[in-house]
Amino acid sequence: MDRILAIDNGLTVTKAVIFDLEGTQIAVSRRNVPQLQPAPRRVERDMAALWQQTAAAIREVLESSATDPARIVAVAATAHGDGLYLLDRDAAPLGPGILSLDSRAIDIVDDWQRSGTDHKALSLTGQAPHVSAPSALLAWMRREDPDCYARIGHILSCKDWLCYCLSGHIGTDRTEASTSFCDAQSQSYSPDALALFGLADLDGALPDVAHSAEIVGTITADAARATGLTKGTPVAAGLHDVTASALGIGAHQPGVVGIVAGTYSINECVSTAPRIDARWFCRNAVGPGQWNNMAISPASATNYDWFLDSLCAAERQSADASIHARLGPEIDAALSRPSSILYHPYLFGSPMGAAPSAGFLGLRGWHGRGDMLAALLEGIAFNHRQHIDALRDGFGGTEARLTGGASRNPTVAQLFADILDMPVTVTDTDEAAAWGAALCAGAAVGTFARFDADPRDIDRHATVYRPSPDRVAHYTERYAVYREIAETMTSTWDRLNALEAMGRGGRHD
């Protein structure tokens, strides 16, 4: 039976996933891609290592599933959005890739906020620039590393780099093109946007734009040797992983809120007209004439992973059973009793920008690990609610679909339903973003009628979590205090950040 290969690259793991043409996941292979943190606020990865690990994952998934490479009808990639993957004029990597967790451009964004550039950008591009936006990172590079800036030949996203490695095609798709430099009304590149950010000289480095479900090349001989794929296999343009996730869970349509609880707090809904607001990014959806409205921050389930890595590392390695299974009863017990603890999940950023930092408040000597983890999970869901309240205010919506690793935990899924006060549906698709990319690949070769002509009966194999009125009231009160704390901490966070810049003896380095 014919199959489709999808690549899904996140911030720590690259995955190769094979689906049959009915949407059944056949096999998945995962490879870690190390993050590099050479200095505070810098989060990078080696581009060659990313491709090597991805190629190894592809070869492994073909072998583990006993898939004849000739039966792969098409390939597409999806990956984290924003950040920056640069090529020089000879199409070679220009330094490491910059991940969307990077916040080195915080001073650039602060300058744009003081000068009003952010408001102009919001009006023109549908989004105010943030620290990991291509616009901010390129402006930082122009100021701090002009030699590297002068060598820029091509400005790509992560999935565009993988597409180039597979097919030799240098380009992007509609969803990635709209991260910084598109006019929100026309959905096309705007020279005015480049000029606004002081980047007019990069006009020739912007990649050509294809539809996500458009064939842009075929597997090259080099890629075939590295991956085990058949030379000449069609490669589709692919798409941003936020949009791919929504597509993969049936949420890339008006009236449905899509939620991804992963490294990022991702919350999105589709509209048939652009509506611009500072609380969300108004970006291109997959098809022309639709917009994907994304309210996001780097503040979701990565907090849980950080807690386990930092505070439970030895136990995690020595546990006979899964650490998640061991912690589950502690968390459930803590969620069932009153608690003064609130946690703001701002390890890498927040809805208010990069200045706020994470922290527990209300912690007492009688609290234990379960109480802290319960507050941490509540804080993650509270952060999603802040974004989703904005989207509901702008676009309505009474249904949510949740994906991401945390969604597999029934306690977490029910927590989202109670905190959001809306039904939350979790589908049985483990690799939602990969399936979104597979839909685009299949549509590109005519296997599916359209990119959103999903052959699965999604609702038949889904679990719906409904809010409990008592828990809704409980979390409404806790959420109000959570927001009150965040709104009064602005000057304190600024003072904490100033401490980070101080040297020993109170002197600035």
Protein backbone atom coordinates (compact mmCIF):
# COMPACT_ATOMS: atom_id res chain seq x y z
CA MET A 1 0.00 0.00 0.00
CA ASP A 2 1.24 3.50 -0.82
CA ARG A 3 2.39 5.70 2.03
CA ILE A 4 3.35 9.28 2.87
CA LEU A 5 6.42 10.41 4.80
CA ALA A 6 6.19 13.48 7.03
CA ILE A 7 9.00 15.15 8.94
CA ASP A 8 8.21 17.07 12.11
CA ASN A 9 11.06 18.99 13.68
CA GLY A 10 10.52 20.57 17.09
CA LEU A 11 12.89 22.43 19.34
CA THR A 12 14.62 19.33 20.72
CA VAL A 13 13.51 16.34 18.63
CA THR A 14 13.24 15.66 14.91
CA LYS A 15 10.75 12.98 13.86
CA ALA A 16 10.08 11.00 10.71
CA VAL A 17 6.56 9.60 10.53
CA ILE A 18 5.01 7.26 7.95
CA PHE A 19 1.25 7.26 7.36
CA ASP A 20 -0.91 5.17 5.10
CA LEU A 21 -3.37 6.91 2.80
CA GLU A 22 -6.22 6.51 5.30
CA GLY A 23 -4.36 8.54 7.92
CA THR A 24 -3.19 5.64 10.07
CA GLN A 25 0.22 6.16 11.62
CA ILE A 26 2.44 3.25 10.58
CA ALA A 27 5.68 4.14 12.34
CA VAL A 28 7.66 7.00 13.85
CA SER A 29 11.34 7.46 14.48
CA ARG A 30 12.74 10.18 16.76
CA ARG A 31 16.22 11.65 17.03
CA ASN A 32 17.37 14.28 19.51
CA VAL A 33 18.95 17.43 18.15
CA PRO A 34 21.02 19.16 20.85
CA GLN A 35 20.37 22.78 21.63
CA LEU A 36 23.35 25.10 21.88
CA GLN A 37 23.25 27.91 24.44
CA PRO A 38 26.54 29.76 23.96
CA ALA A 39 25.42 32.80 25.96
CA PRO A 40 22.42 33.99 27.95
CA ARG A 41 19.31 34.38 25.79
CA ARG A 42 20.90 32.54 22.85
CA VAL A 43 19.36 29.20 21.83
CA GLU A 44 20.77 27.65 18.66
CA ARG A 45 21.41 24.36 16.86
CA ASP A 46 23.90 23.12 14.31
CA MET A 47 22.15 23.04 10.93
CA ALA A 48 24.24 20.19 9.54
CA ALA A 49 23.57 18.11 12.66
CA LEU A 50 19.86 18.77 12.30
CA TRP A 51 19.87 17.39 8.77
CA GLN A 52 22.04 14.40 9.74
CA GLN A 53 19.69 13.46 12.57
CA THR A 54 16.64 13.94 10.37
CA ALA A 55 18.13 11.80 7.62
CA ALA A 56 18.93 9.11 10.19
CA ALA A 57 15.36 9.22 11.49
CA ILE A 58 14.01 8.79 7.93
CA ARG A 59 16.26 5.79 7.24
CA GLU A 60 15.30 4.27 10.59
CA VAL A 61 11.54 4.67 10.10
CA LEU A 62 11.71 3.12 6.63
CA GLU A 63 13.59 0.14 8.02
CA SER A 64 11.51 -0.31 11.20
CA SER A 65 8.25 -0.25 9.22
CA ALA A 66 9.60 -2.43 6.40
CA THR A 67 8.43 0.27 3.98
CA ASP A 68 9.59 -0.02 0.40
CA PRO A 69 10.87 3.50 -0.37
CA ALA A 70 9.28 3.25 -3.82
CA ARG A 71 5.86 3.18 -2.08
CA ILE A 72 6.38 6.65 -0.58
CA VAL A 73 4.23 8.84 -2.84
CA ALA A 74 5.31 12.19 -1.38
CA VAL A 75 7.29 13.85 1.41
CA ALA A 76 6.71 17.08 3.33
CA ALA A 77 8.25 18.72 6.37
CA THR A 78 6.90 20.85 9.15
CA ALA A 79 8.97 22.46 11.90
CA HIS A 80 9.07 25.15 14.53
CA GLY A 81 8.32 28.59 13.18
CA ASP A 82 10.10 31.90 13.68
CA GLY A 83 13.77 31.76 14.56
CA LEU A 84 16.22 31.95 11.68
CA TYR A 85 18.06 29.53 9.38
CA LEU A 86 20.36 31.44 7.06
CA LEU A 87 22.27 30.42 3.94
CA ASP A 88 25.06 32.37 2.32
CA ARG A 89 25.09 33.18 -1.38
CA ASP A 90 26.56 29.75 -2.13
CA ALA A 91 23.60 28.14 -0.30
CA ALA A 92 25.76 26.96 2.61
CA PRO A 93 24.63 27.38 6.26
CA LEU A 94 25.60 30.78 7.60
CA GLY A 95 26.28 29.88 11.20
CA PRO A 96 23.96 27.90 13.48
CA GLY A 97 20.19 27.92 13.19
CA ILE A 98 18.49 30.17 15.73
CA LEU A 99 15.56 28.61 17.58
CA SER A 100 12.32 30.32 18.51
CA LEU A 101 13.31 30.12 22.20
CA ASP A 102 16.07 32.65 21.51
CA SER A 103 15.65 36.11 23.05
CA ARG A 104 18.92 37.85 22.16
CA ALA A 105 16.97 40.56 20.33
CA ILE A 106 15.18 41.80 23.46
CA ASP A 107 16.87 45.22 23.23
CA ILE A 108 15.91 45.54 19.56
CA VAL A 109 12.27 44.87 20.39
CA ASP A 110 12.43 47.31 23.32
CA ASP A 111 13.77 49.99 20.96
CA TRP A 112 10.97 49.31 18.48
CA GLN A 113 8.40 49.59 21.25
CA ARG A 114 9.78 52.94 22.37
CA SER A 115 9.93 54.29 18.81
CA GLY A 116 6.47 53.10 17.78
CA THR A 117 7.85 50.69 15.18
CA ASP A 118 5.94 47.85 16.83
CA HIS A 119 2.60 49.63 16.27
CA LYS A 120 3.45 50.31 12.64
CA ALA A 121 4.46 46.70 12.17
CA LEU A 122 1.23 45.49 13.76
CA SER A 123 -0.85 47.60 11.39
CA LEU A 124 1.09 46.52 8.29
CA THR A 125 2.06 42.90 8.94
CA GLY A 126 -0.66 41.86 11.40
CA GLN A 127 1.76 41.28 14.26
CA ALA A 128 4.00 43.22 16.58
CA PRO A 129 7.60 41.96 16.37
CA HIS A 130 8.80 39.72 19.19
CA VAL A 131 12.25 38.58 20.25
CA SER A 132 12.47 35.47 18.05
CA ALA A 133 10.78 36.98 14.99
CA PRO A 134 12.97 36.94 11.86
CA SER A 135 12.68 40.73 11.72
CA ALA A 136 14.12 41.19 15.23
CA LEU A 137 16.86 38.59 14.81
CA LEU A 138 17.99 40.05 11.48
CA ALA A 139 18.02 43.56 12.95
CA TRP A 140 20.09 42.23 15.85
CA MET A 141 22.52 40.63 13.41
CA ARG A 142 22.82 43.81 11.41
CA ARG A 143 23.80 45.69 14.57
CA GLU A 144 25.87 43.07 16.41
CA ASP A 145 27.37 40.93 13.61
CA PRO A 146 27.51 43.06 10.46
CA ASP A 147 30.03 40.78 8.73
CA CYS A 148 27.66 37.82 8.96
CA TYR A 149 24.73 40.03 7.97
CA ALA A 150 26.56 41.13 4.82
CA ARG A 151 26.93 37.48 3.73
CA ILE A 152 23.23 36.59 3.92
CA GLY A 153 22.03 34.98 0.72
CA HIS A 154 18.78 33.28 1.72
CA ILE A 155 16.47 33.71 4.73
CA LEU A 156 14.80 30.42 5.60
CA SER A 157 12.80 28.81 8.36
CA CYS A 158 13.63 25.45 9.92
CA LYS A 159 11.36 23.38 7.66
CA ASP A 160 12.63 25.29 4.61
CA TRP A 161 16.16 24.18 5.48
CA LEU A 162 15.00 20.56 5.65
CA CYS A 163 13.13 20.94 2.37
CA TYR A 164 16.34 22.26 0.79
CA CYS A 165 18.31 19.29 2.15
CA LEU A 166 15.74 16.89 0.71
CA SER A 167 15.17 18.49 -2.67
CA GLY A 168 17.67 21.26 -3.35
CA HIS A 169 14.78 23.74 -3.51
CA ILE A 170 15.28 27.11 -1.82
CA GLY A 171 11.90 28.56 -0.93
CA THR A 172 9.14 28.72 1.64
CA ASP A 173 5.36 28.43 1.89
CA ARG A 174 2.57 30.89 2.63
CA THR A 175 2.43 30.15 6.37
CA GLU A 176 6.15 30.71 6.97
CA ALA A 177 6.34 33.71 4.64
CA SER A 178 3.98 35.66 6.90
CA THR A 179 6.13 35.54 10.05
CA SER A 180 7.50 39.08 9.59
CA PHE A 181 7.49 40.54 6.11
CA CYS A 182 4.01 40.07 4.58
CA ASP A 183 1.24 42.64 4.25
CA ALA A 184 -1.61 41.21 6.31
CA GLN A 185 -4.19 42.43 3.81
CA SER A 186 -2.60 41.20 0.56
CA GLN A 187 -0.94 38.13 2.19
CA SER A 188 2.17 38.84 0.08
CA TYR A 189 5.66 40.17 0.80
CA SER A 190 5.80 43.90 1.49
CA PRO A 191 8.90 46.01 0.73
CA ASP A 192 7.51 48.48 3.26
CA ALA A 193 7.82 45.85 5.99
CA LEU A 194 11.50 45.28 5.25
CA ALA A 195 12.12 49.03 5.20
CA LEU A 196 10.26 49.51 8.49
CA PHE A 197 12.72 47.18 10.24
CA GLY A 198 15.76 48.70 8.52
CA LEU A 199 16.23 45.57 6.38
CA ALA A 200 15.44 46.86 2.87
CA ASP A 201 18.76 45.54 1.57
CA LEU A 202 17.58 41.96 2.22
CA ASP A 203 14.78 42.09 -0.35
CA GLY A 204 16.60 39.66 -2.64
CA ALA A 205 17.20 37.17 0.19
CA LEU A 206 13.52 36.48 0.86
CA PRO A 207 12.59 33.03 -0.49
CA ASP A 208 10.02 32.36 -3.18
CA VAL A 209 6.60 31.39 -1.80
CA ALA A 210 4.66 28.25 -2.71
CA HIS A 211 1.38 26.79 -1.48
CA SER A 212 1.96 24.33 1.37
CA ALA A 213 0.40 21.58 -0.77
CA GLU A 214 2.53 22.27 -3.85
CA ILE A 215 5.35 20.11 -5.17
CA VAL A 216 8.55 22.18 -5.11
CA GLY A 217 11.11 19.51 -5.96
CA THR A 218 12.07 15.86 -5.70
CA ILE A 219 14.43 13.83 -3.55
CA THR A 220 17.96 14.44 -4.79
CA ALA A 221 20.62 11.77 -5.24
CA ASP A 222 22.47 13.03 -2.14
CA ALA A 223 19.29 13.00 -0.06
CA ALA A 224 18.44 9.52 -1.32
CA ARG A 225 21.82 8.21 -0.17
CA ALA A 226 21.45 9.85 3.24
CA THR A 227 17.85 8.82 3.92
CA GLY A 228 17.14 5.66 1.97
CA LEU A 229 14.34 7.39 0.06
CA THR A 230 13.98 6.90 -3.67
CA LYS A 231 15.53 9.58 -5.86
CA GLY A 232 12.80 11.56 -7.62
CA THR A 233 10.15 11.16 -4.88
CA PRO A 234 8.00 14.36 -4.87
CA VAL A 235 8.61 16.86 -2.07
CA ALA A 236 5.89 19.36 -1.09
CA ALA A 237 6.58 22.81 0.35
CA GLY A 238 5.23 21.91 3.79
CA LEU A 239 4.12 24.37 6.45
CA HIS A 240 4.68 25.97 9.86
CA ASP A 241 4.13 23.44 12.66
CA VAL A 242 1.53 25.58 14.44
CA THR A 243 -0.68 25.45 11.38
CA ALA A 244 0.21 21.81 10.72
CA SER A 245 -0.90 20.83 14.22
CA ALA A 246 -4.26 22.54 13.81
CA LEU A 247 -4.72 20.86 10.45
CA GLY A 248 -3.81 17.49 11.92
CA ILE A 249 -6.46 17.67 14.68
CA GLY A 250 -9.22 19.14 12.51
CA ALA A 251 -8.95 22.63 14.03
CA HIS A 252 -7.81 24.54 10.93
CA GLN A 253 -11.31 25.86 10.28
CA PRO A 254 -13.43 28.78 11.50
CA GLY A 255 -15.19 28.35 14.85
CA VAL A 256 -12.69 25.94 16.41
CA VAL A 257 -9.84 26.87 18.77
CA GLY A 258 -6.76 24.74 18.25
CA ILE A 259 -4.43 24.29 21.23
CA VAL A 260 -0.91 22.85 21.26
CA ALA A 261 0.50 22.32 24.74
CA GLY A 262 4.14 21.71 23.94
CA THR A 263 7.28 23.79 24.29
CA TYR A 264 5.18 26.76 23.25
CA SER A 265 1.72 27.73 24.40
CA ILE A 266 0.05 27.70 20.99
CA ASN A 267 -3.54 28.80 20.53
CA GLU A 268 -5.07 29.53 17.15
CA CYS A 269 -8.20 29.95 15.10
CA VAL A 270 -8.91 30.51 11.42
CA SER A 271 -10.82 33.49 10.03
CA THR A 272 -12.03 34.45 6.57
CA ALA A 273 -10.93 38.07 6.96
CA PRO A 274 -7.90 39.67 8.58
CA ARG A 275 -8.50 41.06 12.05
CA ILE A 276 -5.50 42.78 13.59
CA ASP A 277 -4.92 42.98 17.33
CA ALA A 278 -1.77 43.08 19.46
CA ARG A 279 -2.95 40.01 21.36
CA TRP A 280 -2.43 37.65 18.42
CA PHE A 281 -0.49 37.22 15.19
CA CYS A 282 -2.62 37.59 12.08
CA ARG A 283 -0.78 35.28 9.66
CA ASN A 284 -1.53 33.44 6.46
CA ALA A 285 -3.53 30.25 6.71
CA VAL A 286 -2.78 27.43 4.27
CA GLY A 287 -5.22 28.64 1.62
CA PRO A 288 -5.56 32.14 0.12
CA GLY A 289 -8.33 34.23 1.64
CA GLN A 290 -8.00 32.68 5.08
CA TRP A 291 -5.96 33.89 8.03
CA ASN A 292 -4.54 31.91 10.93
CA ASN A 293 -4.78 33.95 14.13
CA MET A 294 -2.15 32.72 16.57
CA ALA A 295 -1.83 33.73 20.21
CA ILE A 296 1.38 32.18 21.45
CA SER A 297 4.16 32.38 24.01
CA PRO A 298 7.10 30.07 24.89
CA ALA A 299 5.42 29.08 28.15
CA SER A 300 3.73 25.70 28.17
CA ALA A 301 4.68 22.06 28.85
CA THR A 302 8.41 22.78 28.66
CA ASN A 303 7.98 23.95 32.27
CA TYR A 304 7.04 20.42 33.30
CA ASP A 305 10.06 18.97 31.50
CA TRP A 306 12.30 21.57 33.18
CA PHE A 307 10.96 20.62 36.61
CA LEU A 308 11.64 16.93 36.00
CA ASP A 309 15.11 17.54 34.52
CA SER A 310 16.16 20.00 37.23
CA LEU A 311 14.52 18.64 40.36
CA CYS A 312 13.78 14.97 39.65
CA ALA A 313 16.75 13.97 37.50
CA ALA A 314 18.12 11.21 39.74
CA GLU A 315 14.69 9.76 40.42
CA ARG A 316 13.84 9.94 36.74
CA GLN A 317 16.87 7.81 35.88
CA SER A 318 16.39 5.27 38.65
CA ALA A 319 12.60 4.91 38.57
CA ASP A 320 11.39 1.38 37.85
CA ALA A 321 8.16 2.79 36.42
CA SER A 322 7.62 5.94 34.37
CA ILE A 323 8.32 9.08 36.36
CA HIS A 324 5.01 10.42 35.03
CA ALA A 325 3.16 7.43 36.49
CA ARG A 326 4.90 7.91 39.84
CA LEU A 327 4.08 11.62 39.98
CA GLY A 328 0.48 11.23 38.82
CA PRO A 329 -1.04 10.30 42.21
CA GLU A 330 0.86 13.14 43.92
CA ILE A 331 -0.48 15.65 41.40
CA ASP A 332 -4.04 14.32 41.53
CA ALA A 333 -4.03 14.51 45.34
CA ALA A 334 -2.71 18.06 45.27
CA LEU A 335 -5.32 19.18 42.75
CA SER A 336 -8.07 17.88 45.05
CA ARG A 337 -7.14 20.11 48.00
CA PRO A 338 -6.94 23.90 48.53
CA SER A 339 -3.59 25.52 47.79
CA SER A 340 -2.05 28.97 48.01
CA ILE A 341 0.59 28.18 45.36
CA LEU A 342 0.46 29.86 41.97
CA TYR A 343 3.07 29.38 39.27
CA HIS A 344 3.79 31.65 36.32
CA PRO A 345 5.36 29.51 33.53
CA TYR A 346 7.67 32.15 32.08
CA LEU A 347 10.95 30.24 31.88
CA PHE A 348 11.57 31.34 28.28
CA GLY A 349 9.06 34.14 27.80
CA SER A 350 5.47 35.17 28.37
CA PRO A 351 2.43 36.72 26.68
CA MET A 352 3.86 40.06 27.86
CA GLY A 353 7.23 39.53 26.17
CA ALA A 354 10.64 38.30 27.28
CA ALA A 355 11.03 40.37 30.46
CA PRO A 356 8.81 38.32 32.87
CA SER A 357 10.39 35.30 34.52
CA ALA A 358 8.95 32.14 36.03
CA GLY A 359 8.26 31.63 39.70
CA PHE A 360 6.21 30.01 42.44
CA LEU A 361 4.31 32.27 44.85
CA GLY A 362 2.42 31.16 47.93
CA LEU A 363 4.85 28.31 48.61
CA ARG A 364 4.95 27.14 52.24
CA GLY A 365 7.02 24.67 54.25
CA TRP A 366 4.22 22.15 54.36
CA HIS A 367 3.88 21.97 50.59
CA GLY A 368 5.43 19.06 48.73
CA ARG A 369 6.45 18.16 45.22
CA GLY A 370 2.91 17.25 44.20
CA ASP A 371 1.63 20.67 45.27
CA MET A 372 4.30 22.39 43.22
CA LEU A 373 3.60 20.27 40.15
CA ALA A 374 -0.15 20.82 40.47
CA ALA A 375 0.43 24.58 40.56
CA LEU A 376 2.83 24.28 37.62
CA LEU A 377 0.25 22.47 35.48
CA GLU A 378 -2.42 24.99 36.47
CA GLY A 379 -0.05 27.80 35.49
CA ILE A 380 0.48 26.25 32.07
CA ALA A 381 -3.28 26.05 31.50
CA PHE A 382 -3.75 29.60 32.87
CA ASN A 383 -1.22 30.85 30.33
CA HIS A 384 -3.15 29.14 27.54
CA ARG A 385 -6.37 30.68 28.87
CA GLN A 386 -4.92 34.18 28.65
CA HIS A 387 -4.32 33.64 24.94
CA ILE A 388 -7.60 31.81 24.32
CA ASP A 389 -9.65 34.51 26.06
CA ALA A 390 -8.20 36.98 23.55
CA LEU A 391 -9.09 34.74 20.61
CA ARG A 392 -12.61 34.13 21.92
CA ASP A 393 -13.04 37.88 22.30
CA GLY A 394 -12.00 38.41 18.68
CA PHE A 395 -13.44 35.39 16.92
CA GLY A 396 -15.77 33.52 19.25
CA GLY A 397 -15.59 29.76 19.34
CA THR A 398 -17.13 27.29 21.74
CA GLU A 399 -15.05 24.21 20.92
CA ALA A 400 -11.38 23.49 21.56
CA ARG A 401 -9.14 20.75 20.23
CA LEU A 402 -6.02 19.95 22.24
CA THR A 403 -2.80 18.27 21.15
CA GLY A 404 0.77 18.06 22.36
CA GLY A 405 2.39 15.56 24.71
CA ALA A 406 0.54 16.92 27.74
CA SER A 407 -2.82 16.22 26.09
CA ARG A 408 -2.30 12.46 26.56
CA ASN A 409 -2.64 12.89 30.32
CA PRO A 410 -6.38 12.82 31.22
CA THR A 411 -5.71 14.92 34.33
CA VAL A 412 -4.16 17.65 32.20
CA ALA A 413 -6.89 17.50 29.54
CA GLN A 414 -9.60 17.82 32.20
CA LEU A 415 -7.67 20.69 33.78
CA PHE A 416 -7.80 22.54 30.45
CA ALA A 417 -11.55 21.98 30.17
CA ASP A 418 -12.17 23.29 33.68
CA ILE A 419 -9.85 26.29 33.37
CA LEU A 420 -11.11 27.25 29.90
CA ASP A 421 -14.75 26.46 30.75
CA MET A 422 -15.29 24.82 27.38
CA PRO A 423 -15.34 21.29 25.99
CA VAL A 424 -11.88 20.11 25.02
CA THR A 425 -11.47 17.35 22.43
CA VAL A 426 -8.33 15.21 22.26
CA THR A 427 -7.97 13.13 19.09
CA ASP A 428 -6.16 9.82 18.91
CA THR A 429 -3.56 11.22 16.48
CA ASP A 430 -0.26 11.21 18.34
CA GLU A 431 1.70 13.05 15.66
CA ALA A 432 -0.76 15.78 14.71
CA ALA A 433 1.73 18.18 13.11
CA ALA A 434 3.23 15.37 11.03
CA TRP A 435 -0.23 14.38 9.83
CA GLY A 436 -0.90 18.00 8.86
CA ALA A 437 2.26 17.93 6.73
CA ALA A 438 1.22 14.54 5.30
CA LEU A 439 -2.16 15.96 4.26
CA CYS A 440 -0.35 18.68 2.32
CA ALA A 441 2.02 16.18 0.72
CA GLY A 442 -0.87 13.91 -0.27
CA ALA A 443 -2.88 16.78 -1.73
CA ALA A 444 0.17 17.95 -3.68
CA VAL A 445 0.29 14.66 -5.63
CA GLY A 446 -3.49 14.29 -5.94
CA THR A 447 -3.90 11.54 -3.36
CA PHE A 448 -6.26 13.82 -1.43
CA ALA A 449 -8.67 16.24 -3.09
CA ARG A 450 -7.47 19.14 -0.94
CA PHE A 451 -5.03 19.75 1.90
CA ASP A 452 -7.98 19.68 4.34
CA ALA A 453 -9.76 16.65 2.80
CA ASP A 454 -8.90 14.49 5.80
CA PRO A 455 -9.77 10.81 5.17
CA ARG A 456 -10.08 10.03 8.91
CA ASP A 457 -13.24 10.01 11.02
CA ILE A 458 -11.67 12.25 13.65
CA ASP A 459 -14.60 12.50 16.04
CA ARG A 460 -15.15 8.76 16.18
CA HIS A 461 -11.74 8.24 17.74
CA ALA A 462 -11.59 11.23 20.08
CA THR A 463 -12.18 11.90 23.78
CA VAL A 464 -14.18 14.94 24.87
CA TYR A 465 -13.48 16.46 28.28
CA ARG A 466 -16.31 18.63 29.60
CA PRO A 467 -15.92 21.31 32.29
CA SER A 468 -17.21 20.71 35.81
CA PRO A 469 -19.17 23.74 37.12
CA ASP A 470 -17.61 23.46 40.59
CA ARG A 471 -14.08 23.31 39.22
CA VAL A 472 -14.80 26.14 36.79
CA ALA A 473 -15.73 28.42 39.70
CA HIS A 474 -12.65 27.29 41.64
CA TYR A 475 -10.30 28.06 38.76
CA THR A 476 -11.99 31.34 37.89
CA GLU A 477 -10.93 32.63 41.32
CA ARG A 478 -7.41 31.26 41.07
CA TYR A 479 -6.99 32.63 37.56
CA ALA A 480 -8.00 36.12 38.72
CA VAL A 481 -5.21 36.09 41.33
CA TYR A 482 -2.76 34.66 38.77
CA ARG A 483 -3.47 37.56 36.42
CA GLU A 484 -3.38 40.15 39.21
CA ILE A 485 0.12 39.01 40.18
CA ALA A 486 1.36 39.14 36.60
CA GLU A 487 -0.07 42.60 36.02
CA THR A 488 1.61 44.06 39.12
CA MET A 489 5.05 42.48 38.61
CA THR A 490 6.27 44.52 35.64
CA SER A 491 8.72 46.76 37.47
CA THR A 492 9.90 43.88 39.67
CA TRP A 493 10.73 41.73 36.66
CA ASP A 494 12.68 44.62 35.16
CA ARG A 495 14.70 44.92 38.38
CA LEU A 496 15.36 41.18 38.43
CA ASN A 497 16.61 41.34 34.85
CA ALA A 498 18.92 44.20 35.81
CA LEU A 499 20.50 41.94 38.44
CA GLU A 500 21.40 39.45 35.71
CA ALA A 501 23.42 42.15 33.97
CA MET A 502 25.39 43.00 37.12
CA GLY A 503 28.88 41.75 37.77
CA ARG A 504 30.39 40.86 41.10
CA GLY A 505 30.48 43.65 43.64
CA GLY A 506 27.44 45.26 42.02
CA ARG A 507 29.37 46.47 38.97
CA HIS A 508 28.13 46.10 35.41
CA ASP A 509 30.40 43.90 33.28
